[in-house]
Amino acid sequence: MKQITSADFVRSFGDHTDAAMTEPTLITRNGRGRPVILSVDSYRELLALAVKDDVETARLFVSACGTSLRQCFSPDVRSYQ
């Protein structure tokens, strides 16, 4: 997994979000991992794996993100807005 500093992420936001389409990127601050950015397809794949193994855990995760399982799996990216 690629790692970048939060300062570098802010300076080159477009480049890093484009790169995250092919490889997840860990953003660090003060040398410690913070968020990970990844493509919507990778996110959906992770959710599908979670649902396959434990539906209740997946529902808790998604509800903490402020959306629904249906929206997470929607092919329409506008549903994330």
C-alpha atoms as a PDB file:
ATOM      1  CA  MET A   1       0.000   0.000   0.000  1.00  0.00           C
ATOM      2  CA  LYS A   2       1.267   3.414  -0.942  1.00  0.00           C
ATOM      3  CA  GLN A   3       1.875   5.902   1.925  1.00  0.00           C
ATOM      4  CA  ILE A   4       1.887   9.699   1.717  1.00  0.00           C
ATOM      5  CA  THR A   5       1.898  12.511   4.249  1.00  0.00           C
ATOM      6  CA  SER A   6      -1.233  14.575   4.793  1.00  0.00           C
ATOM      7  CA  ALA A   7       0.654  17.655   3.589  1.00  0.00           C
ATOM      8  CA  ASP A   8       1.586  15.915   0.341  1.00  0.00           C
ATOM      9  CA  PHE A   9      -2.002  14.722  -0.054  1.00  0.00           C
ATOM     10  CA  VAL A  10      -3.310  18.291   0.229  1.00  0.00           C
ATOM     11  CA  ARG A  11      -0.709  19.628  -2.221  1.00  0.00           C
ATOM     12  CA  SER A  12      -1.457  16.985  -4.854  1.00  0.00           C
ATOM     13  CA  PHE A  13      -5.018  15.959  -4.103  1.00  0.00           C
ATOM     14  CA  GLY A  14      -5.974  15.170  -7.711  1.00  0.00           C
ATOM     15  CA  ASP A  15      -2.882  13.076  -8.387  1.00  0.00           C
ATOM     16  CA  HIS A  16      -3.330  11.042  -5.205  1.00  0.00           C
ATOM     17  CA  THR A  17      -7.046  10.426  -5.686  1.00  0.00           C
ATOM     18  CA  ASP A  18      -6.331   9.291  -9.261  1.00  0.00           C
ATOM     19  CA  ALA A  19      -3.606   6.936  -7.997  1.00  0.00           C
ATOM     20  CA  ALA A  20      -6.000   5.538  -5.382  1.00  0.00           C
ATOM     21  CA  MET A  21      -8.134   4.198  -8.225  1.00  0.00           C
ATOM     22  CA  THR A  22      -5.536   1.463  -8.759  1.00  0.00           C
ATOM     23  CA  GLU A  23      -3.893   1.169  -5.331  1.00  0.00           C
ATOM     24  CA  PRO A  24      -5.136   2.063  -1.829  1.00  0.00           C
ATOM     25  CA  THR A  25      -3.218   4.922  -0.248  1.00  0.00           C
ATOM     26  CA  LEU A  26      -2.525   5.396   3.463  1.00  0.00           C
ATOM     27  CA  ILE A  27      -2.358   9.042   4.509  1.00  0.00           C
ATOM     28  CA  THR A  28      -0.046   9.677   7.447  1.00  0.00           C
ATOM     29  CA  ARG A  29       0.210  12.542   9.892  1.00  0.00           C
ATOM     30  CA  ASN A  30       3.159  12.846  12.256  1.00  0.00           C
ATOM     31  CA  GLY A  31       4.304   9.434  11.049  1.00  0.00           C
ATOM     32  CA  ARG A  32       1.087   7.664  12.052  1.00  0.00           C
ATOM     33  CA  GLY A  33      -1.561   6.194   9.777  1.00  0.00           C
ATOM     34  CA  ARG A  34      -4.731   8.220   9.416  1.00  0.00           C
ATOM     35  CA  PRO A  35      -7.320   7.572   6.673  1.00  0.00           C
ATOM     36  CA  VAL A  36      -6.968   5.247   3.710  1.00  0.00           C
ATOM     37  CA  ILE A  37      -8.312   6.304   0.333  1.00  0.00           C
ATOM     38  CA  LEU A  38      -9.387   3.697  -2.180  1.00  0.00           C
ATOM     39  CA  SER A  39     -11.583   3.369  -5.241  1.00  0.00           C
ATOM     40  CA  VAL A  40     -15.339   3.019  -4.938  1.00  0.00           C
ATOM     41  CA  ASP A  41     -15.044  -0.450  -6.500  1.00  0.00           C
ATOM     42  CA  SER A  42     -12.561  -1.539  -3.829  1.00  0.00           C
ATOM     43  CA  TYR A  43     -14.809  -0.115  -1.127  1.00  0.00           C
ATOM     44  CA  ARG A  44     -17.800  -2.041  -2.477  1.00  0.00           C
ATOM     45  CA  GLU A  45     -15.722  -5.216  -2.657  1.00  0.00           C
ATOM     46  CA  LEU A  46     -14.717  -4.838   0.999  1.00  0.00           C
ATOM     47  CA  LEU A  47     -18.337  -4.290   1.976  1.00  0.00           C
ATOM     48  CA  ALA A  48     -19.412  -7.358   0.009  1.00  0.00           C
ATOM     49  CA  LEU A  49     -16.838  -9.444   1.857  1.00  0.00           C
ATOM     50  CA  ALA A  50     -18.069  -8.102   5.169  1.00  0.00           C
ATOM     51  CA  VAL A  51     -21.672  -8.866   4.285  1.00  0.00           C
ATOM     52  CA  LYS A  52     -20.748 -12.363   3.181  1.00  0.00           C
ATOM     53  CA  ASP A  53     -19.084 -13.112   6.513  1.00  0.00           C
ATOM     54  CA  ASP A  54     -21.220 -11.159   8.968  1.00  0.00           C
ATOM     55  CA  VAL A  55     -24.277  -9.190   7.895  1.00  0.00           C
ATOM     56  CA  GLU A  56     -24.808  -7.552  11.281  1.00  0.00           C
ATOM     57  CA  THR A  57     -21.232  -6.235  11.453  1.00  0.00           C
ATOM     58  CA  ALA A  58     -21.520  -4.875   7.919  1.00  0.00           C
ATOM     59  CA  ARG A  59     -24.759  -3.083   8.818  1.00  0.00           C
ATOM     60  CA  LEU A  60     -23.153  -1.516  11.886  1.00  0.00           C
ATOM     61  CA  PHE A  61     -20.175  -0.392   9.811  1.00  0.00           C
ATOM     62  CA  VAL A  62     -22.336   1.130   7.108  1.00  0.00           C
ATOM     63  CA  SER A  63     -24.664   2.832   9.572  1.00  0.00           C
ATOM     64  CA  ALA A  64     -21.632   4.413  11.247  1.00  0.00           C
ATOM     65  CA  CYS A  65     -20.712   5.815   7.821  1.00  0.00           C
ATOM     66  CA  GLY A  66     -24.120   7.472   7.560  1.00  0.00           C
ATOM     67  CA  THR A  67     -25.495   5.562   4.573  1.00  0.00           C
ATOM     68  CA  SER A  68     -27.374   2.351   3.853  1.00  0.00           C
ATOM     69  CA  LEU A  69     -26.321  -1.020   2.473  1.00  0.00           C
ATOM     70  CA  ARG A  70     -28.467  -0.341  -0.591  1.00  0.00           C
ATOM     71  CA  GLN A  71     -26.647   2.942  -1.283  1.00  0.00           C
ATOM     72  CA  CYS A  72     -23.232   1.352  -0.753  1.00  0.00           C
ATOM     73  CA  PHE A  73     -23.939  -1.229  -3.434  1.00  0.00           C
ATOM     74  CA  SER A  74     -25.691   1.139  -5.812  1.00  0.00           C
ATOM     75  CA  PRO A  75     -23.993   1.343  -9.234  1.00  0.00           C
ATOM     76  CA  ASP A  76     -24.925   5.033  -9.261  1.00  0.00           C
ATOM     77  CA  VAL A  77     -22.030   6.915  -7.607  1.00  0.00           C
ATOM     78  CA  ARG A  78     -24.290   9.968  -7.140  1.00  0.00           C
ATOM     79  CA  SER A  79     -26.033   8.024  -4.380  1.00  0.00           C
ATOM     80  CA  TYR A  80     -23.015   8.691  -2.147  1.00  0.00           C
ATOM     81  CA  GLN A  81     -23.739  12.426  -2.111  1.00  0.00           C
END
